Amino acid sequence: MNSLENNDEAGDVSAVNGTNPATNQDAKVAETEEKAISKPAKTDQREPEWASGLKQLYNSVVDEPIPDMFKDLLAKLDDGGK
């Protein structure tokens, strides 16, 4: 008698080789996803010329104070529009 005949589920490959194919596949998928997230695709490492200017513009807008008009509007919204 071989191990498949002893096993209740004759189609269970894990009974033959001691591994779980679903778990192995899941591990491979997880490893591939981890690599894709941790390492960006190899492309030209230089930024385009306009990128630094765009970053500076973005940062200047983010650093601007909130206008009083918007602060008043937010206060009204917090009060329920009264």
PDB file of N, CA and C in Angstrom:
ATOM      1  N   MET A   1       0.835  -1.180   0.000  1.00  0.00           N
ATOM      2  CA  MET A   1       0.000   0.000   0.000  1.00  0.00           C
ATOM      3  C   MET A   1       0.878   1.240   0.000  1.00  0.00           C
ATOM      4  N   ASN A   2       0.536   2.226  -0.850  1.00  0.00           N
ATOM      5  CA  ASN A   2       1.320   3.454  -0.818  1.00  0.00           C
ATOM      6  C   ASN A   2       0.613   4.494   0.037  1.00  0.00           C
ATOM      7  N   SER A   3       1.234   5.643   0.200  1.00  0.00           N
ATOM      8  CA  SER A   3       0.681   6.657   1.087  1.00  0.00           C
ATOM      9  C   SER A   3      -0.640   7.220   0.589  1.00  0.00           C
ATOM     10  N   LEU A   4      -0.880   7.179  -0.713  1.00  0.00           N
ATOM     11  CA  LEU A   4      -2.150   7.666  -1.229  1.00  0.00           C
ATOM     12  C   LEU A   4      -3.286   6.732  -0.852  1.00  0.00           C
ATOM     13  N   GLU A   5      -3.027   5.452  -0.817  1.00  0.00           N
ATOM     14  CA  GLU A   5      -4.071   4.503  -0.459  1.00  0.00           C
ATOM     15  C   GLU A   5      -4.390   4.594   1.023  1.00  0.00           C
ATOM     16  N   ASN A   6      -3.429   4.971   1.848  1.00  0.00           N
ATOM     17  CA  ASN A   6      -3.661   5.106   3.280  1.00  0.00           C
ATOM     18  C   ASN A   6      -4.383   6.399   3.618  1.00  0.00           C
ATOM     19  N   ASN A   7      -4.336   7.355   2.739  1.00  0.00           N
ATOM     20  CA  ASN A   7      -4.906   8.660   3.002  1.00  0.00           C
ATOM     21  C   ASN A   7      -6.379   8.652   2.629  1.00  0.00           C
ATOM     22  N   ASP A   8      -7.207   9.311   3.456  1.00  0.00           N
ATOM     23  CA  ASP A   8      -8.632   9.396   3.174  1.00  0.00           C
ATOM     24  C   ASP A   8      -8.882  10.165   1.878  1.00  0.00           C
ATOM     25  N   GLU A   9      -8.066  11.174   1.615  1.00  0.00           N
ATOM     26  CA  GLU A   9      -8.222  11.974   0.408  1.00  0.00           C
ATOM     27  C   GLU A   9      -7.144  11.535  -0.575  1.00  0.00           C
ATOM     28  N   ALA A  10      -7.499  10.653  -1.497  1.00  0.00           N
ATOM     29  CA  ALA A  10      -6.516  10.078  -2.408  1.00  0.00           C
ATOM     30  C   ALA A  10      -5.856  11.134  -3.275  1.00  0.00           C
ATOM     31  N   GLY A  11      -6.499  12.272  -3.494  1.00  0.00           N
ATOM     32  CA  GLY A  11      -5.937  13.318  -4.330  1.00  0.00           C
ATOM     33  C   GLY A  11      -5.042  14.277  -3.570  1.00  0.00           C
ATOM     34  N   ASP A  12      -4.791  14.038  -2.307  1.00  0.00           N
ATOM     35  CA  ASP A  12      -3.994  14.949  -1.483  1.00  0.00           C
ATOM     36  C   ASP A  12      -2.520  14.758  -1.768  1.00  0.00           C
ATOM     37  N   VAL A  13      -1.918  15.702  -2.471  1.00  0.00           N
ATOM     38  CA  VAL A  13      -0.508  15.624  -2.833  1.00  0.00           C
ATOM     39  C   VAL A  13       0.369  15.753  -1.603  1.00  0.00           C
ATOM     40  N   SER A  14      -0.089  16.476  -0.587  1.00  0.00           N
ATOM     41  CA  SER A  14       0.735  16.682   0.600  1.00  0.00           C
ATOM     42  C   SER A  14       1.028  15.373   1.323  1.00  0.00           C
ATOM     43  N   ALA A  15       0.173  14.365   1.147  1.00  0.00           N
ATOM     44  CA  ALA A  15       0.430  13.086   1.786  1.00  0.00           C
ATOM     45  C   ALA A  15       1.644  12.402   1.175  1.00  0.00           C
ATOM     46  N   VAL A  16       1.930  12.718  -0.082  1.00  0.00           N
ATOM     47  CA  VAL A  16       3.043  12.088  -0.769  1.00  0.00           C
ATOM     48  C   VAL A  16       4.350  12.787  -0.447  1.00  0.00           C
ATOM     49  N   ASN A  17       4.375  14.107  -0.560  1.00  0.00           N
ATOM     50  CA  ASN A  17       5.651  14.791  -0.397  1.00  0.00           C
ATOM     51  C   ASN A  17       5.759  15.608   0.884  1.00  0.00           C
ATOM     52  N   GLY A  18       4.736  15.622   1.710  1.00  0.00           N
ATOM     53  CA  GLY A  18       4.817  16.298   3.003  1.00  0.00           C
ATOM     54  C   GLY A  18       4.709  17.810   2.927  1.00  0.00           C
ATOM     55  N   THR A  19       4.280  18.349   1.804  1.00  0.00           N
ATOM     56  CA  THR A  19       4.123  19.796   1.678  1.00  0.00           C
ATOM     57  C   THR A  19       2.694  20.126   1.336  1.00  0.00           C
ATOM     58  N   ASN A  20       2.339  21.338   1.577  1.00  0.00           N
ATOM     59  CA  ASN A  20       1.003  21.814   1.239  1.00  0.00           C
ATOM     60  C   ASN A  20       1.141  22.725   0.036  1.00  0.00           C
ATOM     61  N   PRO A  21       0.688  22.300  -1.138  1.00  0.00           N
ATOM     62  CA  PRO A  21       0.881  23.100  -2.347  1.00  0.00           C
ATOM     63  C   PRO A  21       0.217  24.464  -2.268  1.00  0.00           C
ATOM     64  N   ALA A  22      -0.923  24.568  -1.613  1.00  0.00           N
ATOM     65  CA  ALA A  22      -1.591  25.864  -1.501  1.00  0.00           C
ATOM     66  C   ALA A  22      -0.736  26.828  -0.699  1.00  0.00           C
ATOM     67  N   THR A  23      -0.154  26.362   0.389  1.00  0.00           N
ATOM     68  CA  THR A  23       0.696  27.219   1.219  1.00  0.00           C
ATOM     69  C   THR A  23       1.947  27.627   0.456  1.00  0.00           C
ATOM     70  N   ASN A  24       2.532  26.704  -0.292  1.00  0.00           N
ATOM     71  CA  ASN A  24       3.715  27.035  -1.086  1.00  0.00           C
ATOM     72  C   ASN A  24       3.394  28.103  -2.123  1.00  0.00           C
ATOM     73  N   GLN A  25       2.257  27.969  -2.790  1.00  0.00           N
ATOM     74  CA  GLN A  25       1.859  28.951  -3.797  1.00  0.00           C
ATOM     75  C   GLN A  25       1.606  30.297  -3.148  1.00  0.00           C
ATOM     76  N   ASP A  26       0.928  30.297  -1.987  1.00  0.00           N
ATOM     77  CA  ASP A  26       0.669  31.545  -1.277  1.00  0.00           C
ATOM     78  C   ASP A  26       1.971  32.220  -0.884  1.00  0.00           C
ATOM     79  N   ALA A  27       2.942  31.447  -0.457  1.00  0.00           N
ATOM     80  CA  ALA A  27       4.236  31.999  -0.065  1.00  0.00           C
ATOM     81  C   ALA A  27       4.936  32.620  -1.266  1.00  0.00           C
ATOM     82  N   LYS A  28       4.844  31.973  -2.416  1.00  0.00           N
ATOM     83  CA  LYS A  28       5.469  32.508  -3.634  1.00  0.00           C
ATOM     84  C   LYS A  28       4.808  33.825  -4.038  1.00  0.00           C
ATOM     85  N   VAL A  29       3.488  33.876  -3.957  1.00  0.00           N
ATOM     86  CA  VAL A  29       2.760  35.098  -4.311  1.00  0.00           C
ATOM     87  C   VAL A  29       3.133  36.216  -3.350  1.00  0.00           C
ATOM     88  N   ALA A  30       3.162  35.912  -2.067  1.00  0.00           N
ATOM     89  CA  ALA A  30       3.510  36.926  -1.072  1.00  0.00           C
ATOM     90  C   ALA A  30       4.929  37.438  -1.287  1.00  0.00           C
ATOM     91  N   GLU A  31       5.850  36.556  -1.614  1.00  0.00           N
ATOM     92  CA  GLU A  31       7.240  36.955  -1.861  1.00  0.00           C
ATOM     93  C   GLU A  31       7.325  37.853  -3.087  1.00  0.00           C
ATOM     94  N   THR A  32       6.592  37.517  -4.128  1.00  0.00           N
ATOM     95  CA  THR A  32       6.592  38.324  -5.341  1.00  0.00           C
ATOM     96  C   THR A  32       5.999  39.702  -5.069  1.00  0.00           C
ATOM     97  N   GLU A  33       4.899  39.749  -4.322  1.00  0.00           N
ATOM     98  CA  GLU A  33       4.277  41.032  -3.996  1.00  0.00           C
ATOM     99  C   GLU A  33       5.218  41.879  -3.144  1.00  0.00           C
ATOM    100  N   GLU A  34       5.908  41.257  -2.193  1.00  0.00           N
ATOM    101  CA  GLU A  34       6.834  41.973  -1.327  1.00  0.00           C
ATOM    102  C   GLU A  34       7.963  42.588  -2.153  1.00  0.00           C
ATOM    103  N   LYS A  35       8.488  41.836  -3.103  1.00  0.00           N
ATOM    104  CA  LYS A  35       9.554  42.355  -3.961  1.00  0.00           C
ATOM    105  C   LYS A  35       9.052  43.533  -4.779  1.00  0.00           C
ATOM    106  N   ALA A  36       7.828  43.434  -5.285  1.00  0.00           N
ATOM    107  CA  ALA A  36       7.278  44.512  -6.111  1.00  0.00           C
ATOM    108  C   ALA A  36       7.085  45.779  -5.297  1.00  0.00           C
ATOM    109  N   ILE A  37       6.720  45.634  -4.032  1.00  0.00           N
ATOM    110  CA  ILE A  37       6.496  46.800  -3.180  1.00  0.00           C
ATOM    111  C   ILE A  37       7.816  47.378  -2.696  1.00  0.00           C
ATOM    112  N   SER A  38       8.753  46.529  -2.296  1.00  0.00           N
ATOM    113  CA  SER A  38       9.985  47.016  -1.699  1.00  0.00           C
ATOM    114  C   SER A  38      10.961  47.584  -2.706  1.00  0.00           C
ATOM    115  N   LYS A  39      10.929  47.122  -3.938  1.00  0.00           N
ATOM    116  CA  LYS A  39      11.861  47.598  -4.952  1.00  0.00           C
ATOM    117  C   LYS A  39      11.097  48.149  -6.142  1.00  0.00           C
ATOM    118  N   PRO A  40      11.212  49.455  -6.375  1.00  0.00           N
ATOM    119  CA  PRO A  40      10.552  49.971  -7.570  1.00  0.00           C
ATOM    120  C   PRO A  40      11.205  49.406  -8.822  1.00  0.00           C
ATOM    121  N   ALA A  41      10.476  49.398  -9.881  1.00  0.00           N
ATOM    122  CA  ALA A  41      11.011  48.890 -11.135  1.00  0.00           C
ATOM    123  C   ALA A  41      12.229  49.705 -11.522  1.00  0.00           C
ATOM    124  N   LYS A  42      13.227  49.032 -12.063  1.00  0.00           N
ATOM    125  CA  LYS A  42      14.443  49.730 -12.459  1.00  0.00           C
ATOM    126  C   LYS A  42      14.151  50.571 -13.692  1.00  0.00           C
ATOM    127  N   THR A  43      14.199  51.851 -13.476  1.00  0.00           N
ATOM    128  CA  THR A  43      14.012  52.798 -14.565  1.00  0.00           C
ATOM    129  C   THR A  43      15.139  53.806 -14.465  1.00  0.00           C
ATOM    130  N   ASP A  44      15.098  54.798 -15.280  1.00  0.00           N
ATOM    131  CA  ASP A  44      16.099  55.847 -15.214  1.00  0.00           C
ATOM    132  C   ASP A  44      16.014  56.496 -13.830  1.00  0.00           C
ATOM    133  N   GLN A  45      17.096  56.455 -13.063  1.00  0.00           N
ATOM    134  CA  GLN A  45      17.096  56.929 -11.693  1.00  0.00           C
ATOM    135  C   GLN A  45      17.078  58.455 -11.591  1.00  0.00           C
ATOM    136  N   ARG A  46      17.389  59.138 -12.673  1.00  0.00           N
ATOM    137  CA  ARG A  46      17.376  60.598 -12.634  1.00  0.00           C
ATOM    138  C   ARG A  46      15.941  61.096 -12.680  1.00  0.00           C
ATOM    139  N   GLU A  47      15.712  62.194 -11.953  1.00  0.00           N
ATOM    140  CA  GLU A  47      14.404  62.827 -12.018  1.00  0.00           C
ATOM    141  C   GLU A  47      14.376  63.750 -13.228  1.00  0.00           C
ATOM    142  N   PRO A  48      13.200  63.972 -13.776  1.00  0.00           N
ATOM    143  CA  PRO A  48      13.125  64.941 -14.868  1.00  0.00           C
ATOM    144  C   PRO A  48      13.512  66.330 -14.356  1.00  0.00           C
ATOM    145  N   GLU A  49      13.912  67.191 -15.263  1.00  0.00           N
ATOM    146  CA  GLU A  49      14.373  68.522 -14.876  1.00  0.00           C
ATOM    147  C   GLU A  49      13.302  69.310 -14.128  1.00  0.00           C
ATOM    148  N   TRP A  50      12.069  69.113 -14.460  1.00  0.00           N
ATOM    149  CA  TRP A  50      10.993  69.897 -13.860  1.00  0.00           C
ATOM    150  C   TRP A  50      10.574  69.381 -12.494  1.00  0.00           C
ATOM    151  N   ALA A  51      11.038  68.207 -12.082  1.00  0.00           N
ATOM    152  CA  ALA A  51      10.579  67.589 -10.834  1.00  0.00           C
ATOM    153  C   ALA A  51      10.945  68.415  -9.604  1.00  0.00           C
ATOM    154  N   SER A  52      12.164  68.938  -9.545  1.00  0.00           N
ATOM    155  CA  SER A  52      12.551  69.702  -8.354  1.00  0.00           C
ATOM    156  C   SER A  52      11.733  70.990  -8.260  1.00  0.00           C
ATOM    157  N   GLY A  53      11.459  71.641  -9.391  1.00  0.00           N
ATOM    158  CA  GLY A  53      10.624  72.845  -9.375  1.00  0.00           C
ATOM    159  C   GLY A  53       9.210  72.548  -8.919  1.00  0.00           C
ATOM    160  N   LEU A  54       8.672  71.416  -9.356  1.00  0.00           N
ATOM    161  CA  LEU A  54       7.329  71.023  -8.953  1.00  0.00           C
ATOM    162  C   LEU A  54       7.276  70.734  -7.456  1.00  0.00           C
ATOM    163  N   LYS A  55       8.298  70.064  -6.932  1.00  0.00           N
ATOM    164  CA  LYS A  55       8.356  69.780  -5.495  1.00  0.00           C
ATOM    165  C   LYS A  55       8.418  71.072  -4.692  1.00  0.00           C
ATOM    166  N   GLN A  56       9.213  72.040  -5.150  1.00  0.00           N
ATOM    167  CA  GLN A  56       9.314  73.317  -4.444  1.00  0.00           C
ATOM    168  C   GLN A  56       7.972  74.045  -4.458  1.00  0.00           C
ATOM    169  N   LEU A  57       7.299  74.051  -5.595  1.00  0.00           N
ATOM    170  CA  LEU A  57       5.993  74.700  -5.693  1.00  0.00           C
ATOM    171  C   LEU A  57       4.990  74.032  -4.759  1.00  0.00           C
ATOM    172  N   TYR A  58       4.945  72.717  -4.779  1.00  0.00           N
ATOM    173  CA  TYR A  58       4.034  71.966  -3.915  1.00  0.00           C
ATOM    174  C   TYR A  58       4.299  72.300  -2.453  1.00  0.00           C
ATOM    175  N   ASN A  59       5.572  72.259  -2.052  1.00  0.00           N
ATOM    176  CA  ASN A  59       5.916  72.541  -0.652  1.00  0.00           C
ATOM    177  C   ASN A  59       5.561  73.967  -0.257  1.00  0.00           C
ATOM    178  N   SER A  60       5.709  74.916  -1.176  1.00  0.00           N
ATOM    179  CA  SER A  60       5.360  76.303  -0.839  1.00  0.00           C
ATOM    180  C   SER A  60       3.852  76.443  -0.634  1.00  0.00           C
ATOM    181  N   VAL A  61       3.057  75.725  -1.421  1.00  0.00           N
ATOM    182  CA  VAL A  61       1.602  75.778  -1.266  1.00  0.00           C
ATOM    183  C   VAL A  61       1.191  75.104   0.043  1.00  0.00           C
ATOM    184  N   VAL A  62       1.807  73.979   0.362  1.00  0.00           N
ATOM    185  CA  VAL A  62       1.485  73.263   1.597  1.00  0.00           C
ATOM    186  C   VAL A  62       1.827  74.118   2.813  1.00  0.00           C
ATOM    187  N   ASP A  63       2.896  74.886   2.728  1.00  0.00           N
ATOM    188  CA  ASP A  63       3.348  75.702   3.860  1.00  0.00           C
ATOM    189  C   ASP A  63       2.573  77.001   4.017  1.00  0.00           C
ATOM    190  N   GLU A  64       1.732  77.362   3.050  1.00  0.00           N
ATOM    191  CA  GLU A  64       0.954  78.591   3.159  1.00  0.00           C
ATOM    192  C   GLU A  64      -0.051  78.471   4.295  1.00  0.00           C
ATOM    193  N   PRO A  65      -0.267  79.568   5.019  1.00  0.00           N
ATOM    194  CA  PRO A  65      -1.268  79.523   6.099  1.00  0.00           C
ATOM    195  C   PRO A  65      -2.683  79.429   5.520  1.00  0.00           C
ATOM    196  N   ILE A  66      -3.592  78.897   6.311  1.00  0.00           N
ATOM    197  CA  ILE A  66      -4.988  78.793   5.890  1.00  0.00           C
ATOM    198  C   ILE A  66      -5.602  80.193   5.964  1.00  0.00           C
ATOM    199  N   PRO A  67      -6.241  80.657   4.892  1.00  0.00           N
ATOM    200  CA  PRO A  67      -6.857  81.988   4.911  1.00  0.00           C
ATOM    201  C   PRO A  67      -7.969  82.069   5.971  1.00  0.00           C
ATOM    202  N   ASP A  68      -8.155  83.271   6.533  1.00  0.00           N
ATOM    203  CA  ASP A  68      -9.177  83.487   7.570  1.00  0.00           C
ATOM    204  C   ASP A  68     -10.566  83.090   7.075  1.00  0.00           C
ATOM    205  N   MET A  69     -10.844  83.344   5.790  1.00  0.00           N
ATOM    206  CA  MET A  69     -12.137  83.001   5.217  1.00  0.00           C
ATOM    207  C   MET A  69     -12.406  81.495   5.361  1.00  0.00           C
ATOM    208  N   PHE A  70     -11.391  80.675   5.122  1.00  0.00           N
ATOM    209  CA  PHE A  70     -11.562  79.218   5.258  1.00  0.00           C
ATOM    210  C   PHE A  70     -11.657  78.811   6.721  1.00  0.00           C
ATOM    211  N   LYS A  71     -10.920  79.471   7.586  1.00  0.00           N
ATOM    212  CA  LYS A  71     -11.014  79.176   9.023  1.00  0.00           C
ATOM    213  C   LYS A  71     -12.429  79.457   9.525  1.00  0.00           C
ATOM    214  N   ASP A  72     -13.020  80.595   9.075  1.00  0.00           N
ATOM    215  CA  ASP A  72     -14.390  80.927   9.469  1.00  0.00           C
ATOM    216  C   ASP A  72     -15.372  79.883   8.953  1.00  0.00           C
ATOM    217  N   LEU A  73     -15.181  79.461   7.709  1.00  0.00           N
ATOM    218  CA  LEU A  73     -16.058  78.450   7.127  1.00  0.00           C
ATOM    219  C   LEU A  73     -15.954  77.131   7.896  1.00  0.00           C
ATOM    220  N   LEU A  74     -14.749  76.734   8.237  1.00  0.00           N
ATOM    221  CA  LEU A  74     -14.565  75.501   9.010  1.00  0.00           C
ATOM    222  C   LEU A  74     -15.206  75.610  10.388  1.00  0.00           C
ATOM    223  N   ALA A  75     -15.100  76.773  11.005  1.00  0.00           N
ATOM    224  CA  ALA A  75     -15.714  76.983  12.319  1.00  0.00           C
ATOM    225  C   ALA A  75     -17.245  76.867  12.213  1.00  0.00           C
ATOM    226  N   LYS A  76     -17.824  77.424  11.154  1.00  0.00           N
ATOM    227  CA  LYS A  76     -19.269  77.330  10.959  1.00  0.00           C
ATOM    228  C   LYS A  76     -19.688  75.877  10.751  1.00  0.00           C
ATOM    229  N   LEU A  77     -18.909  75.143   9.983  1.00  0.00           N
ATOM    230  CA  LEU A  77     -19.224  73.734   9.746  1.00  0.00           C
ATOM    231  C   LEU A  77     -19.139  72.930  11.040  1.00  0.00           C
ATOM    232  N   ASP A  78     -18.139  73.254  11.871  1.00  0.00           N
ATOM    233  CA  ASP A  78     -18.015  72.558  13.159  1.00  0.00           C
ATOM    234  C   ASP A  78     -19.194  72.847  14.074  1.00  0.00           C
ATOM    235  N   ASP A  79     -19.755  74.070  13.957  1.00  0.00           N
ATOM    236  CA  ASP A  79     -20.901  74.461  14.798  1.00  0.00           C
ATOM    237  C   ASP A  79     -22.221  73.953  14.230  1.00  0.00           C
ATOM    238  N   GLY A  80     -22.178  73.268  13.137  1.00  0.00           N
ATOM    239  CA  GLY A  80     -23.399  72.749  12.522  1.00  0.00           C
ATOM    240  C   GLY A  80     -24.037  73.747  11.577  1.00  0.00           C
ATOM    241  N   GLY A  81     -23.287  74.752  11.125  1.00  0.00           N
ATOM    242  CA  GLY A  81     -23.802  75.722  10.160  1.00  0.00           C
ATOM    243  C   GLY A  81     -24.656  76.817  10.776  1.00  0.00           C
ATOM    244  N   LYS A  82     -24.613  76.991  12.090  1.00  0.00           N
ATOM    245  CA  LYS A  82     -25.434  78.013  12.762  1.00  0.00           C
ATOM    246  C   LYS A  82     -24.950  79.411  12.475  1.00  0.00           C
TER     247      LYS A  82
END
